[in-house]
C-alpha cells in the first residue's frame, strides 16, 4: 500500500496545480516573491504586473525586483532561493538542466528571434559575412548571443573558429567598441539600438534579417532565442499554490502587454519604471511576441540551443528532451490553449 501511494504522488501533485484557485490569497504558501529583471523589454510583463497590483491581488504582499550582472549569478541566486522567478534567454536554463541543475521551465515569456543583432562600427569595413573574421566582436559567450553568431557563421559557410570574440558584458562591450578596442558587438536590445544612436554604429545582421551588402533586407532566420519563466524545482514542490498564482499573474500581464490597445500605457509604465526613453522602447517592441506557449516551436528552439551547447562541448551526451524539464500544469490551468505539448516534469 505504501508503495502504491508513493507511485500516485506525482499525479496527485500535478492535479493540485490544475485544481488550485490561486486567486484566493489565503491559499498562497508564501506572500513574498523576489524576481530577477533586467533593463530590456521582456520584463515589460513583470513590471506591468507589479505596477497594476496583480501580484498583490494574488496574495503576494511583497514583490522585490533584483538585478544581476550576469545570467550565471541570477541562476545561482535562483538555486539558493534568493529569487523565485528568473526570466533569461533560453540558453542558460537549457545548459543548467542538461548539467543536472534542478531548474524547471514554467512557460515562454516572449519569443524574440529578432531581438539580438550584430552591430559594427562604421569604420570596421564589414560589408560581407567573410568580413566578420577580420574584426573583434564583444559578446557574452554564455548567452544566446554566442548561439546567434554560430548560426550566422553556419548559414554563410564561415569557419566560426576564425571569428575573434571577446567575452564582455554589454556595458563594457559598448565602451570597448567606442574606443575601437573591439569593432562590433553581438547583443540583445536595447544595446544595439544604443550603439546605433549613440555611436553611429550599424546593424549588419539580426536573428531574422541580413543587412550585408550582397543580401541586404533578406529574411534569414538564424535565431532560436526566447525568454522563459524559470523556477527551482524545490520551490515549485514546496509552493504549489504560489507557483500556480505566479503563472496566472504572468499570463494575465502577458496578455495585457500583447494587446495593441494597451501599447501606449504599458510602454509608459515600463519606460517610467526603467527611466528609459519611450521612443526607444516603442521602436523595439516589435522584436517581441509575448506568448506563453509550450508548443512545437518551443521544443524546436530549445533543442536547437541544446545542439549548440553540445557542439561547443558545454553539455555532454545527447540533448535531453526539453519536455523533461518543462512543467506545464500551472500554465494549462491559467491558459489551456497555450499548452500544445505537455511538459513531462511533475513535482
C-alpha atoms as a PDB file:
ATOM      1  CA  UNK A   1       0.000   0.000   0.000  1.00  0.00           C
ATOM      2  CA  UNK A   2       2.793   2.427   0.874  1.00  0.00           C
ATOM      3  CA  UNK A   3       4.494   1.842  -2.480  1.00  0.00           C
ATOM      4  CA  UNK A   4       1.161   2.309  -4.257  1.00  0.00           C
ATOM      5  CA  UNK A   5       0.583   5.692  -2.589  1.00  0.00           C
ATOM      6  CA  UNK A   6       4.118   6.766  -3.356  1.00  0.00           C
ATOM      7  CA  UNK A   7       3.594   5.967  -7.036  1.00  0.00           C
ATOM      8  CA  UNK A   8       0.497   8.147  -7.067  1.00  0.00           C
ATOM      9  CA  UNK A   9       2.191  11.255  -5.685  1.00  0.00           C
ATOM     10  CA  UNK A  10       3.382  12.810  -8.979  1.00  0.00           C
ATOM     11  CA  UNK A  11      -0.123  12.571 -10.437  1.00  0.00           C
ATOM     12  CA  UNK A  12      -1.701  13.921  -7.273  1.00  0.00           C
ATOM     13  CA  UNK A  13       0.701  16.879  -7.144  1.00  0.00           C
ATOM     14  CA  UNK A  14       0.225  17.644 -10.818  1.00  0.00           C
ATOM     15  CA  UNK A  15      -3.525  17.562 -10.320  1.00  0.00           C
ATOM     16  CA  UNK A  16      -3.212  20.030  -7.483  1.00  0.00           C
ATOM     17  CA  UNK A  17      -1.962  22.671  -9.904  1.00  0.00           C
ATOM     18  CA  UNK A  18      -4.880  22.023 -12.203  1.00  0.00           C
ATOM     19  CA  UNK A  19      -7.495  22.391  -9.464  1.00  0.00           C
ATOM     20  CA  UNK A  20      -5.920  25.210  -7.469  1.00  0.00           C
ATOM     21  CA  UNK A  21      -7.673  28.583  -7.363  1.00  0.00           C
ATOM     22  CA  UNK A  22      -4.691  30.894  -6.944  1.00  0.00           C
ATOM     23  CA  UNK A  23      -6.874  33.996  -6.960  1.00  0.00           C
ATOM     24  CA  UNK A  24      -7.670  33.190  -3.343  1.00  0.00           C
ATOM     25  CA  UNK A  25      -4.824  34.850  -1.471  1.00  0.00           C
ATOM     26  CA  UNK A  26      -5.077  32.611   1.587  1.00  0.00           C
ATOM     27  CA  UNK A  27      -4.030  29.601  -0.487  1.00  0.00           C
ATOM     28  CA  UNK A  28      -0.624  31.006  -1.382  1.00  0.00           C
ATOM     29  CA  UNK A  29       2.068  29.417   0.778  1.00  0.00           C
ATOM     30  CA  UNK A  30       4.292  32.497   0.723  1.00  0.00           C
ATOM     31  CA  UNK A  31       3.354  36.156   0.382  1.00  0.00           C
ATOM     32  CA  UNK A  32       6.847  37.221  -0.697  1.00  0.00           C
ATOM     33  CA  UNK A  33       8.488  36.998  -4.101  1.00  0.00           C
ATOM     34  CA  UNK A  34      11.910  38.013  -5.366  1.00  0.00           C
ATOM     35  CA  UNK A  35      12.117  38.261  -9.144  1.00  0.00           C
ATOM     36  CA  UNK A  36      15.121  38.824 -11.377  1.00  0.00           C
ATOM     37  CA  UNK A  37      14.676  41.544 -14.003  1.00  0.00           C
ATOM     38  CA  UNK A  38      16.870  43.375 -16.487  1.00  0.00           C
ATOM     39  CA  UNK A  39      16.694  46.630 -18.456  1.00  0.00           C
ATOM     40  CA  UNK A  40      15.107  45.179 -21.586  1.00  0.00           C
ATOM     41  CA  UNK A  41      11.543  44.745 -22.760  1.00  0.00           C
ATOM     42  CA  UNK A  42      10.957  41.079 -21.820  1.00  0.00           C
ATOM     43  CA  UNK A  43      10.459  42.449 -18.323  1.00  0.00           C
ATOM     44  CA  UNK A  44       7.545  44.532 -19.511  1.00  0.00           C
ATOM     45  CA  UNK A  45       5.403  41.611 -18.301  1.00  0.00           C
ATOM     46  CA  UNK A  46       6.793  41.630 -14.762  1.00  0.00           C
ATOM     47  CA  UNK A  47       6.831  45.391 -14.328  1.00  0.00           C
ATOM     48  CA  UNK A  48       3.295  45.870 -15.610  1.00  0.00           C
ATOM     49  CA  UNK A  49       2.062  43.070 -13.328  1.00  0.00           C
ATOM     50  CA  UNK A  50       3.610  44.773 -10.318  1.00  0.00           C
ATOM     51  CA  UNK A  51       2.563  48.303 -11.200  1.00  0.00           C
ATOM     52  CA  UNK A  52      -1.026  47.190 -11.881  1.00  0.00           C
ATOM     53  CA  UNK A  53      -1.171  45.462  -8.486  1.00  0.00           C
ATOM     54  CA  UNK A  54      -1.809  41.984  -9.856  1.00  0.00           C
ATOM     55  CA  UNK A  55       0.844  40.272  -7.741  1.00  0.00           C
ATOM     56  CA  UNK A  56      -0.723  41.753  -4.630  1.00  0.00           C
ATOM     57  CA  UNK A  57      -4.196  40.656  -5.718  1.00  0.00           C
ATOM     58  CA  UNK A  58      -2.849  37.105  -5.999  1.00  0.00           C
ATOM     59  CA  UNK A  59      -1.618  37.190  -2.397  1.00  0.00           C
ATOM     60  CA  UNK A  60       1.984  38.318  -2.843  1.00  0.00           C
ATOM     61  CA  UNK A  61       2.214  41.242  -0.436  1.00  0.00           C
ATOM     62  CA  UNK A  62       5.918  41.852  -1.026  1.00  0.00           C
ATOM     63  CA  UNK A  63       7.402  41.632  -4.525  1.00  0.00           C
ATOM     64  CA  UNK A  64      11.050  42.593  -4.879  1.00  0.00           C
ATOM     65  CA  UNK A  65      12.871  43.036  -8.182  1.00  0.00           C
ATOM     66  CA  UNK A  66      16.575  42.182  -8.272  1.00  0.00           C
ATOM     67  CA  UNK A  67      19.152  42.774 -10.988  1.00  0.00           C
ATOM     68  CA  UNK A  68      22.288  40.763 -11.702  1.00  0.00           C
ATOM     69  CA  UNK A  69      25.383  41.487 -13.752  1.00  0.00           C
ATOM     70  CA  UNK A  70      25.260  38.076 -15.432  1.00  0.00           C
ATOM     71  CA  UNK A  71      22.912  35.203 -16.090  1.00  0.00           C
ATOM     72  CA  UNK A  72      25.200  32.879 -14.152  1.00  0.00           C
ATOM     73  CA  UNK A  73      24.744  34.943 -10.994  1.00  0.00           C
ATOM     74  CA  UNK A  74      20.981  35.024 -11.449  1.00  0.00           C
ATOM     75  CA  UNK A  75      20.906  31.256 -11.931  1.00  0.00           C
ATOM     76  CA  UNK A  76      22.915  30.757  -8.756  1.00  0.00           C
ATOM     77  CA  UNK A  77      20.532  33.062  -6.885  1.00  0.00           C
ATOM     78  CA  UNK A  78      17.566  31.003  -8.104  1.00  0.00           C
ATOM     79  CA  UNK A  79      19.043  27.764  -6.790  1.00  0.00           C
ATOM     80  CA  UNK A  80      19.891  29.472  -3.485  1.00  0.00           C
ATOM     81  CA  UNK A  81      16.253  30.638  -3.168  1.00  0.00           C
ATOM     82  CA  UNK A  82      17.360  34.268  -3.270  1.00  0.00           C
ATOM     83  CA  UNK A  83      14.966  34.746  -6.173  1.00  0.00           C
ATOM     84  CA  UNK A  84      11.940  32.638  -7.055  1.00  0.00           C
ATOM     85  CA  UNK A  85      11.490  33.623 -10.708  1.00  0.00           C
ATOM     86  CA  UNK A  86      14.164  34.000 -13.363  1.00  0.00           C
ATOM     87  CA  UNK A  87      13.371  35.038 -16.951  1.00  0.00           C
ATOM     88  CA  UNK A  88      16.526  34.524 -19.016  1.00  0.00           C
ATOM     89  CA  UNK A  89      17.096  33.748 -22.643  1.00  0.00           C
ATOM     90  CA  UNK A  90      16.718  30.026 -23.148  1.00  0.00           C
ATOM     91  CA  UNK A  91      20.415  29.114 -23.306  1.00  0.00           C
ATOM     92  CA  UNK A  92      21.263  29.331 -19.556  1.00  0.00           C
ATOM     93  CA  UNK A  93      18.383  27.124 -18.312  1.00  0.00           C
ATOM     94  CA  UNK A  94      18.969  24.603 -21.109  1.00  0.00           C
ATOM     95  CA  UNK A  95      22.612  24.390 -20.046  1.00  0.00           C
ATOM     96  CA  UNK A  96      21.704  24.073 -16.372  1.00  0.00           C
ATOM     97  CA  UNK A  97      19.082  21.390 -16.965  1.00  0.00           C
ATOM     98  CA  UNK A  98      21.474  19.332 -19.081  1.00  0.00           C
ATOM     99  CA  UNK A  99      24.139  19.634 -16.411  1.00  0.00           C
ATOM    100  CA  UNK A 100      21.919  18.344 -13.633  1.00  0.00           C
ATOM    101  CA  UNK A 101      20.854  21.616 -12.025  1.00  0.00           C
ATOM    102  CA  UNK A 102      17.315  21.367 -10.538  1.00  0.00           C
ATOM    103  CA  UNK A 103      15.533  24.012 -12.598  1.00  0.00           C
ATOM    104  CA  UNK A 104      12.148  23.803 -14.275  1.00  0.00           C
ATOM    105  CA  UNK A 105      10.608  25.889 -17.056  1.00  0.00           C
ATOM    106  CA  UNK A 106       7.044  27.081 -16.472  1.00  0.00           C
ATOM    107  CA  UNK A 107       6.365  28.628 -19.891  1.00  0.00           C
ATOM    108  CA  UNK A 108       7.521  31.086 -22.512  1.00  0.00           C
ATOM    109  CA  UNK A 109       7.757  34.767 -21.626  1.00  0.00           C
ATOM    110  CA  UNK A 110       8.431  36.123 -25.123  1.00  0.00           C
ATOM    111  CA  UNK A 111       9.584  34.788 -28.478  1.00  0.00           C
ATOM    112  CA  UNK A 112      12.316  37.127 -29.656  1.00  0.00           C
ATOM    113  CA  UNK A 113      14.105  35.765 -32.717  1.00  0.00           C
ATOM    114  CA  UNK A 114      14.749  39.289 -33.992  1.00  0.00           C
ATOM    115  CA  UNK A 115      15.995  40.640 -30.689  1.00  0.00           C
ATOM    116  CA  UNK A 116      19.751  40.017 -30.926  1.00  0.00           C
ATOM    117  CA  UNK A 117      21.838  41.824 -33.503  1.00  0.00           C
ATOM    118  CA  UNK A 118      25.403  42.004 -34.794  1.00  0.00           C
ATOM    119  CA  UNK A 119      26.386  45.673 -34.741  1.00  0.00           C
ATOM    120  CA  UNK A 120      29.692  47.080 -36.021  1.00  0.00           C
ATOM    121  CA  UNK A 121      31.484  50.405 -36.151  1.00  0.00           C
ATOM    122  CA  UNK A 122      31.008  52.379 -39.352  1.00  0.00           C
ATOM    123  CA  UNK A 123      34.763  52.171 -39.986  1.00  0.00           C
ATOM    124  CA  UNK A 124      35.010  48.431 -39.322  1.00  0.00           C
ATOM    125  CA  UNK A 125      34.838  47.544 -43.009  1.00  0.00           C
ATOM    126  CA  UNK A 126      32.245  44.820 -42.524  1.00  0.00           C
ATOM    127  CA  UNK A 127      30.310  44.542 -45.784  1.00  0.00           C
ATOM    128  CA  UNK A 128      30.146  40.765 -46.247  1.00  0.00           C
ATOM    129  CA  UNK A 129      29.828  37.801 -43.898  1.00  0.00           C
ATOM    130  CA  UNK A 130      33.505  36.978 -44.521  1.00  0.00           C
ATOM    131  CA  UNK A 131      34.471  40.374 -43.112  1.00  0.00           C
ATOM    132  CA  UNK A 132      33.363  39.185 -39.656  1.00  0.00           C
ATOM    133  CA  UNK A 133      36.616  37.231 -39.488  1.00  0.00           C
ATOM    134  CA  UNK A 134      38.601  40.478 -39.752  1.00  0.00           C
ATOM    135  CA  UNK A 135      37.248  42.193 -36.634  1.00  0.00           C
ATOM    136  CA  UNK A 136      36.835  41.580 -32.915  1.00  0.00           C
ATOM    137  CA  UNK A 137      33.311  41.178 -31.576  1.00  0.00           C
ATOM    138  CA  UNK A 138      32.240  41.606 -27.958  1.00  0.00           C
ATOM    139  CA  UNK A 139      29.597  39.297 -26.525  1.00  0.00           C
ATOM    140  CA  UNK A 140      28.735  37.129 -23.557  1.00  0.00           C
ATOM    141  CA  UNK A 141      29.808  33.652 -24.603  1.00  0.00           C
ATOM    142  CA  UNK A 142      27.412  32.036 -22.110  1.00  0.00           C
ATOM    143  CA  UNK A 143      24.389  33.767 -23.648  1.00  0.00           C
ATOM    144  CA  UNK A 144      22.172  33.236 -26.665  1.00  0.00           C
ATOM    145  CA  UNK A 145      24.315  35.810 -28.491  1.00  0.00           C
ATOM    146  CA  UNK A 146      27.013  33.164 -28.918  1.00  0.00           C
ATOM    147  CA  UNK A 147      24.448  30.827 -30.452  1.00  0.00           C
ATOM    148  CA  UNK A 148      23.290  33.564 -32.831  1.00  0.00           C
ATOM    149  CA  UNK A 149      26.845  34.226 -34.031  1.00  0.00           C
ATOM    150  CA  UNK A 150      27.428  30.491 -34.535  1.00  0.00           C
ATOM    151  CA  UNK A 151      24.218  30.227 -36.555  1.00  0.00           C
ATOM    152  CA  UNK A 152      25.241  33.200 -38.729  1.00  0.00           C
ATOM    153  CA  UNK A 153      28.615  31.561 -39.357  1.00  0.00           C
ATOM    154  CA  UNK A 154      26.969  28.273 -40.261  1.00  0.00           C
ATOM    155  CA  UNK A 155      24.432  29.902 -42.570  1.00  0.00           C
ATOM    156  CA  UNK A 156      27.121  31.722 -44.561  1.00  0.00           C
ATOM    157  CA  UNK A 157      29.639  28.878 -44.544  1.00  0.00           C
ATOM    158  CA  UNK A 158      32.163  30.632 -42.294  1.00  0.00           C
ATOM    159  CA  UNK A 159      34.670  28.925 -40.035  1.00  0.00           C
ATOM    160  CA  UNK A 160      33.361  30.026 -36.636  1.00  0.00           C
ATOM    161  CA  UNK A 161      36.777  29.434 -35.044  1.00  0.00           C
ATOM    162  CA  UNK A 162      38.186  32.269 -37.173  1.00  0.00           C
ATOM    163  CA  UNK A 163      35.770  34.847 -35.753  1.00  0.00           C
ATOM    164  CA  UNK A 164      37.521  36.681 -32.920  1.00  0.00           C
ATOM    165  CA  UNK A 165      35.304  37.177 -29.891  1.00  0.00           C
ATOM    166  CA  UNK A 166      35.905  38.876 -26.554  1.00  0.00           C
ATOM    167  CA  UNK A 167      33.835  37.844 -23.547  1.00  0.00           C
ATOM    168  CA  UNK A 168      32.355  41.111 -22.265  1.00  0.00           C
ATOM    169  CA  UNK A 169      29.184  42.227 -20.514  1.00  0.00           C
ATOM    170  CA  UNK A 170      27.142  44.735 -22.542  1.00  0.00           C
ATOM    171  CA  UNK A 171      28.283  47.954 -20.772  1.00  0.00           C
ATOM    172  CA  UNK A 172      31.959  47.001 -21.049  1.00  0.00           C
ATOM    173  CA  UNK A 173      31.494  45.958 -24.672  1.00  0.00           C
ATOM    174  CA  UNK A 174      29.829  49.257 -25.531  1.00  0.00           C
ATOM    175  CA  UNK A 175      32.768  51.168 -24.057  1.00  0.00           C
ATOM    176  CA  UNK A 176      35.298  48.924 -25.803  1.00  0.00           C
ATOM    177  CA  UNK A 177      33.605  49.462 -29.162  1.00  0.00           C
ATOM    178  CA  UNK A 178      33.564  53.222 -28.650  1.00  0.00           C
ATOM    179  CA  UNK A 179      37.339  53.061 -28.043  1.00  0.00           C
ATOM    180  CA  UNK A 180      37.890  50.752 -31.057  1.00  0.00           C
ATOM    181  CA  UNK A 181      39.260  48.017 -28.791  1.00  0.00           C
ATOM    182  CA  UNK A 182      36.651  45.846 -30.442  1.00  0.00           C
ATOM    183  CA  UNK A 183      34.889  46.649 -33.687  1.00  0.00           C
ATOM    184  CA  UNK A 184      31.476  45.193 -33.021  1.00  0.00           C
ATOM    185  CA  UNK A 185      29.062  43.663 -30.530  1.00  0.00           C
ATOM    186  CA  UNK A 186      26.568  40.805 -30.565  1.00  0.00           C
ATOM    187  CA  UNK A 187      23.857  41.582 -28.032  1.00  0.00           C
ATOM    188  CA  UNK A 188      20.159  41.844 -27.385  1.00  0.00           C
ATOM    189  CA  UNK A 189      18.279  45.107 -27.336  1.00  0.00           C
ATOM    190  CA  UNK A 190      18.450  47.843 -26.152  1.00  0.00           C
ATOM    191  CA  UNK A 191      22.247  47.686 -26.633  1.00  0.00           C
ATOM    192  CA  UNK A 192      22.204  47.540 -30.450  1.00  0.00           C
ATOM    193  CA  UNK A 193      19.765  50.465 -30.520  1.00  0.00           C
ATOM    194  CA  UNK A 194      22.019  52.457 -28.230  1.00  0.00           C
ATOM    195  CA  UNK A 195      25.122  51.595 -30.274  1.00  0.00           C
ATOM    196  CA  UNK A 196      23.425  52.861 -33.440  1.00  0.00           C
ATOM    197  CA  UNK A 197      22.073  56.032 -31.885  1.00  0.00           C
ATOM    198  CA  UNK A 198      24.927  56.894 -29.534  1.00  0.00           C
ATOM    199  CA  UNK A 199      27.956  55.703 -31.509  1.00  0.00           C
ATOM    200  CA  UNK A 200      26.757  55.833 -35.109  1.00  0.00           C
ATOM    201  CA  UNK A 201      27.280  52.082 -35.438  1.00  0.00           C
ATOM    202  CA  UNK A 202      25.291  49.972 -37.879  1.00  0.00           C
ATOM    203  CA  UNK A 203      23.474  46.657 -37.795  1.00  0.00           C
ATOM    204  CA  UNK A 204      24.787  44.015 -40.200  1.00  0.00           C
ATOM    205  CA  UNK A 205      22.586  41.115 -39.108  1.00  0.00           C
ATOM    206  CA  UNK A 206      19.760  40.319 -36.737  1.00  0.00           C
ATOM    207  CA  UNK A 207      18.291  36.987 -35.789  1.00  0.00           C
ATOM    208  CA  UNK A 208      15.830  37.268 -38.658  1.00  0.00           C
ATOM    209  CA  UNK A 209      17.296  39.565 -41.306  1.00  0.00           C
ATOM    210  CA  UNK A 210      20.558  40.325 -43.135  1.00  0.00           C
ATOM    211  CA  UNK A 211      21.951  43.782 -43.755  1.00  0.00           C
ATOM    212  CA  UNK A 212      25.139  42.656 -45.500  1.00  0.00           C
ATOM    213  CA  UNK A 213      25.651  44.446 -48.798  1.00  0.00           C
ATOM    214  CA  UNK A 214      25.029  41.421 -51.016  1.00  0.00           C
ATOM    215  CA  UNK A 215      21.700  40.361 -49.431  1.00  0.00           C
ATOM    216  CA  UNK A 216      20.518  43.411 -47.513  1.00  0.00           C
ATOM    217  CA  UNK A 217      16.920  43.099 -46.394  1.00  0.00           C
ATOM    218  CA  UNK A 218      16.747  39.348 -46.978  1.00  0.00           C
ATOM    219  CA  UNK A 219      14.904  37.309 -44.354  1.00  0.00           C
ATOM    220  CA  UNK A 220      17.429  34.964 -42.726  1.00  0.00           C
ATOM    221  CA  UNK A 221      16.147  33.166 -39.625  1.00  0.00           C
ATOM    222  CA  UNK A 222      19.228  32.300 -37.579  1.00  0.00           C
ATOM    223  CA  UNK A 223      17.866  32.688 -34.033  1.00  0.00           C
ATOM    224  CA  UNK A 224      16.295  30.354 -31.512  1.00  0.00           C
ATOM    225  CA  UNK A 225      16.073  32.977 -28.796  1.00  0.00           C
ATOM    226  CA  UNK A 226      13.128  33.152 -26.458  1.00  0.00           C
ATOM    227  CA  UNK A 227      12.846  34.197 -22.842  1.00  0.00           C
ATOM    228  CA  UNK A 228      11.342  31.642 -20.499  1.00  0.00           C
ATOM    229  CA  UNK A 229       9.962  31.544 -16.960  1.00  0.00           C
ATOM    230  CA  UNK A 230      12.306  29.503 -14.797  1.00  0.00           C
ATOM    231  CA  UNK A 231      11.925  28.384 -11.172  1.00  0.00           C
ATOM    232  CA  UNK A 232      13.803  25.985  -8.957  1.00  0.00           C
ATOM    233  CA  UNK A 233      12.290  22.545  -8.642  1.00  0.00           C
ATOM    234  CA  UNK A 234      12.474  22.736  -4.844  1.00  0.00           C
ATOM    235  CA  UNK A 235      10.493  25.980  -4.711  1.00  0.00           C
ATOM    236  CA  UNK A 236       7.798  24.624  -7.036  1.00  0.00           C
ATOM    237  CA  UNK A 237       7.438  21.479  -4.950  1.00  0.00           C
ATOM    238  CA  UNK A 238       7.190  23.448  -1.711  1.00  0.00           C
ATOM    239  CA  UNK A 239       4.824  26.090  -3.098  1.00  0.00           C
ATOM    240  CA  UNK A 240       2.239  24.594  -5.446  1.00  0.00           C
ATOM    241  CA  UNK A 241      -0.386  27.294  -4.922  1.00  0.00           C
ATOM    242  CA  UNK A 242       2.178  30.098  -5.115  1.00  0.00           C
ATOM    243  CA  UNK A 243       3.520  28.628  -8.370  1.00  0.00           C
ATOM    244  CA  UNK A 244       0.017  28.462  -9.827  1.00  0.00           C
ATOM    245  CA  UNK A 245      -0.683  32.036  -8.699  1.00  0.00           C
ATOM    246  CA  UNK A 246       2.602  33.295 -10.131  1.00  0.00           C
ATOM    247  CA  UNK A 247       1.956  31.775 -13.552  1.00  0.00           C
ATOM    248  CA  UNK A 248      -1.608  33.088 -13.560  1.00  0.00           C
ATOM    249  CA  UNK A 249      -0.377  36.641 -12.861  1.00  0.00           C
ATOM    250  CA  UNK A 250       2.322  36.385 -15.525  1.00  0.00           C
ATOM    251  CA  UNK A 251      -0.071  35.148 -18.208  1.00  0.00           C
ATOM    252  CA  UNK A 252      -2.566  37.893 -17.307  1.00  0.00           C
ATOM    253  CA  UNK A 253       0.120  40.568 -17.644  1.00  0.00           C
ATOM    254  CA  UNK A 254       1.468  38.940 -20.790  1.00  0.00           C
ATOM    255  CA  UNK A 255      -1.919  39.061 -22.489  1.00  0.00           C
ATOM    256  CA  UNK A 256      -2.322  42.678 -21.404  1.00  0.00           C
ATOM    257  CA  UNK A 257       1.003  43.835 -22.853  1.00  0.00           C
ATOM    258  CA  UNK A 258       0.364  41.867 -26.064  1.00  0.00           C
ATOM    259  CA  UNK A 259      -2.895  43.743 -26.693  1.00  0.00           C
ATOM    260  CA  UNK A 260      -2.227  46.621 -29.132  1.00  0.00           C
ATOM    261  CA  UNK A 261      -4.911  48.655 -27.369  1.00  0.00           C
ATOM    262  CA  UNK A 262      -2.652  48.829 -24.298  1.00  0.00           C
ATOM    263  CA  UNK A 263       0.581  49.659 -26.120  1.00  0.00           C
ATOM    264  CA  UNK A 264       0.911  53.300 -25.086  1.00  0.00           C
ATOM    265  CA  UNK A 265       0.024  52.570 -21.473  1.00  0.00           C
ATOM    266  CA  UNK A 266       2.391  49.655 -20.976  1.00  0.00           C
ATOM    267  CA  UNK A 267       5.286  51.408 -22.723  1.00  0.00           C
ATOM    268  CA  UNK A 268       4.853  54.385 -20.405  1.00  0.00           C
ATOM    269  CA  UNK A 269       4.701  52.125 -17.335  1.00  0.00           C
ATOM    270  CA  UNK A 270       7.864  50.305 -18.376  1.00  0.00           C
ATOM    271  CA  UNK A 271       9.791  53.368 -19.537  1.00  0.00           C
ATOM    272  CA  UNK A 272       8.945  55.361 -16.397  1.00  0.00           C
ATOM    273  CA  UNK A 273       9.991  52.447 -14.189  1.00  0.00           C
ATOM    274  CA  UNK A 274      13.267  51.902 -16.066  1.00  0.00           C
ATOM    275  CA  UNK A 275      13.895  55.625 -16.661  1.00  0.00           C
ATOM    276  CA  UNK A 276      14.275  54.950 -20.386  1.00  0.00           C
ATOM    277  CA  UNK A 277      13.066  56.855 -23.462  1.00  0.00           C
ATOM    278  CA  UNK A 278       9.583  55.817 -24.534  1.00  0.00           C
ATOM    279  CA  UNK A 279      10.555  56.331 -28.180  1.00  0.00           C
ATOM    280  CA  UNK A 280      13.340  53.753 -27.892  1.00  0.00           C
ATOM    281  CA  UNK A 281      11.085  51.140 -26.349  1.00  0.00           C
ATOM    282  CA  UNK A 282       8.328  51.816 -28.863  1.00  0.00           C
ATOM    283  CA  UNK A 283      10.849  51.193 -31.674  1.00  0.00           C
ATOM    284  CA  UNK A 284      11.963  47.901 -30.127  1.00  0.00           C
ATOM    285  CA  UNK A 285       8.631  46.416 -29.077  1.00  0.00           C
ATOM    286  CA  UNK A 286       8.117  44.675 -32.427  1.00  0.00           C
ATOM    287  CA  UNK A 287      11.131  42.453 -31.686  1.00  0.00           C
ATOM    288  CA  UNK A 288       8.990  40.550 -29.178  1.00  0.00           C
ATOM    289  CA  UNK A 289       5.982  38.281 -29.382  1.00  0.00           C
ATOM    290  CA  UNK A 290       4.558  37.939 -25.894  1.00  0.00           C
ATOM    291  CA  UNK A 291       3.119  34.443 -25.714  1.00  0.00           C
ATOM    292  CA  UNK A 292       3.313  31.750 -23.008  1.00  0.00           C
ATOM    293  CA  UNK A 293       3.076  28.875 -25.467  1.00  0.00           C
ATOM    294  CA  UNK A 294       4.596  25.478 -24.879  1.00  0.00           C
ATOM    295  CA  UNK A 295       4.295  24.186 -28.420  1.00  0.00           C
ATOM    296  CA  UNK A 296       6.244  22.675 -31.303  1.00  0.00           C
ATOM    297  CA  UNK A 297       8.274  25.847 -31.899  1.00  0.00           C
ATOM    298  CA  UNK A 298       9.177  25.961 -28.205  1.00  0.00           C
ATOM    299  CA  UNK A 299      10.545  22.429 -28.430  1.00  0.00           C
ATOM    300  CA  UNK A 300      12.441  23.241 -31.650  1.00  0.00           C
ATOM    301  CA  UNK A 301      14.053  26.363 -30.188  1.00  0.00           C
ATOM    302  CA  UNK A 302      15.138  24.592 -27.031  1.00  0.00           C
ATOM    303  CA  UNK A 303      16.571  21.608 -28.900  1.00  0.00           C
ATOM    304  CA  UNK A 304      18.476  23.927 -31.230  1.00  0.00           C
ATOM    305  CA  UNK A 305      20.087  25.631 -28.242  1.00  0.00           C
ATOM    306  CA  UNK A 306      20.930  22.241 -26.736  1.00  0.00           C
ATOM    307  CA  UNK A 307      22.534  21.248 -30.049  1.00  0.00           C
ATOM    308  CA  UNK A 308      24.679  24.387 -29.988  1.00  0.00           C
ATOM    309  CA  UNK A 309      25.778  23.655 -26.411  1.00  0.00           C
ATOM    310  CA  UNK A 310      26.700  20.091 -27.341  1.00  0.00           C
ATOM    311  CA  UNK A 311      28.637  21.264 -30.400  1.00  0.00           C
ATOM    312  CA  UNK A 312      30.632  23.672 -28.208  1.00  0.00           C
ATOM    313  CA  UNK A 313      31.257  20.980 -25.551  1.00  0.00           C
ATOM    314  CA  UNK A 314      29.236  22.705 -22.838  1.00  0.00           C
ATOM    315  CA  UNK A 315      26.945  19.751 -22.349  1.00  0.00           C
ATOM    316  CA  UNK A 316      27.809  16.091 -22.558  1.00  0.00           C
ATOM    317  CA  UNK A 317      25.822  13.285 -24.122  1.00  0.00           C
ATOM    318  CA  UNK A 318      22.704  13.512 -26.232  1.00  0.00           C
ATOM    319  CA  UNK A 319      20.433  16.536 -25.762  1.00  0.00           C
ATOM    320  CA  UNK A 320      17.679  15.895 -23.238  1.00  0.00           C
ATOM    321  CA  UNK A 321      14.030  16.079 -24.131  1.00  0.00           C
ATOM    322  CA  UNK A 322      13.090  19.668 -23.277  1.00  0.00           C
ATOM    323  CA  UNK A 323       9.739  18.469 -22.003  1.00  0.00           C
ATOM    324  CA  UNK A 324      11.519  16.512 -19.271  1.00  0.00           C
ATOM    325  CA  UNK A 325      12.298  19.810 -17.516  1.00  0.00           C
ATOM    326  CA  UNK A 326       9.130  21.643 -18.547  1.00  0.00           C
ATOM    327  CA  UNK A 327       6.213  21.829 -16.111  1.00  0.00           C
ATOM    328  CA  UNK A 328       3.072  22.876 -17.979  1.00  0.00           C
ATOM    329  CA  UNK A 329       0.473  22.188 -15.265  1.00  0.00           C
ATOM    330  CA  UNK A 330       0.195  25.763 -13.915  1.00  0.00           C
ATOM    331  CA  UNK A 331       0.175  27.217 -17.438  1.00  0.00           C
ATOM    332  CA  UNK A 332      -2.550  24.827 -18.533  1.00  0.00           C
ATOM    333  CA  UNK A 333      -4.626  25.866 -15.527  1.00  0.00           C
ATOM    334  CA  UNK A 334      -4.170  29.547 -16.418  1.00  0.00           C
ATOM    335  CA  UNK A 335      -4.473  29.230 -20.205  1.00  0.00           C
ATOM    336  CA  UNK A 336      -5.204  25.762 -21.545  1.00  0.00           C
ATOM    337  CA  UNK A 337      -4.861  26.884 -25.173  1.00  0.00           C
ATOM    338  CA  UNK A 338      -1.198  27.796 -24.549  1.00  0.00           C
ATOM    339  CA  UNK A 339      -0.188  24.178 -23.917  1.00  0.00           C
ATOM    340  CA  UNK A 340       0.052  22.377 -27.248  1.00  0.00           C
ATOM    341  CA  UNK A 341       2.510  19.784 -25.926  1.00  0.00           C
ATOM    342  CA  UNK A 342       2.502  18.644 -22.320  1.00  0.00           C
ATOM    343  CA  UNK A 343       5.538  19.086 -20.123  1.00  0.00           C
ATOM    344  CA  UNK A 344       6.731  15.835 -18.575  1.00  0.00           C
ATOM    345  CA  UNK A 345       8.151  17.217 -15.332  1.00  0.00           C
ATOM    346  CA  UNK A 346       5.928  16.939 -12.258  1.00  0.00           C
ATOM    347  CA  UNK A 347       6.557  17.853  -8.606  1.00  0.00           C
END
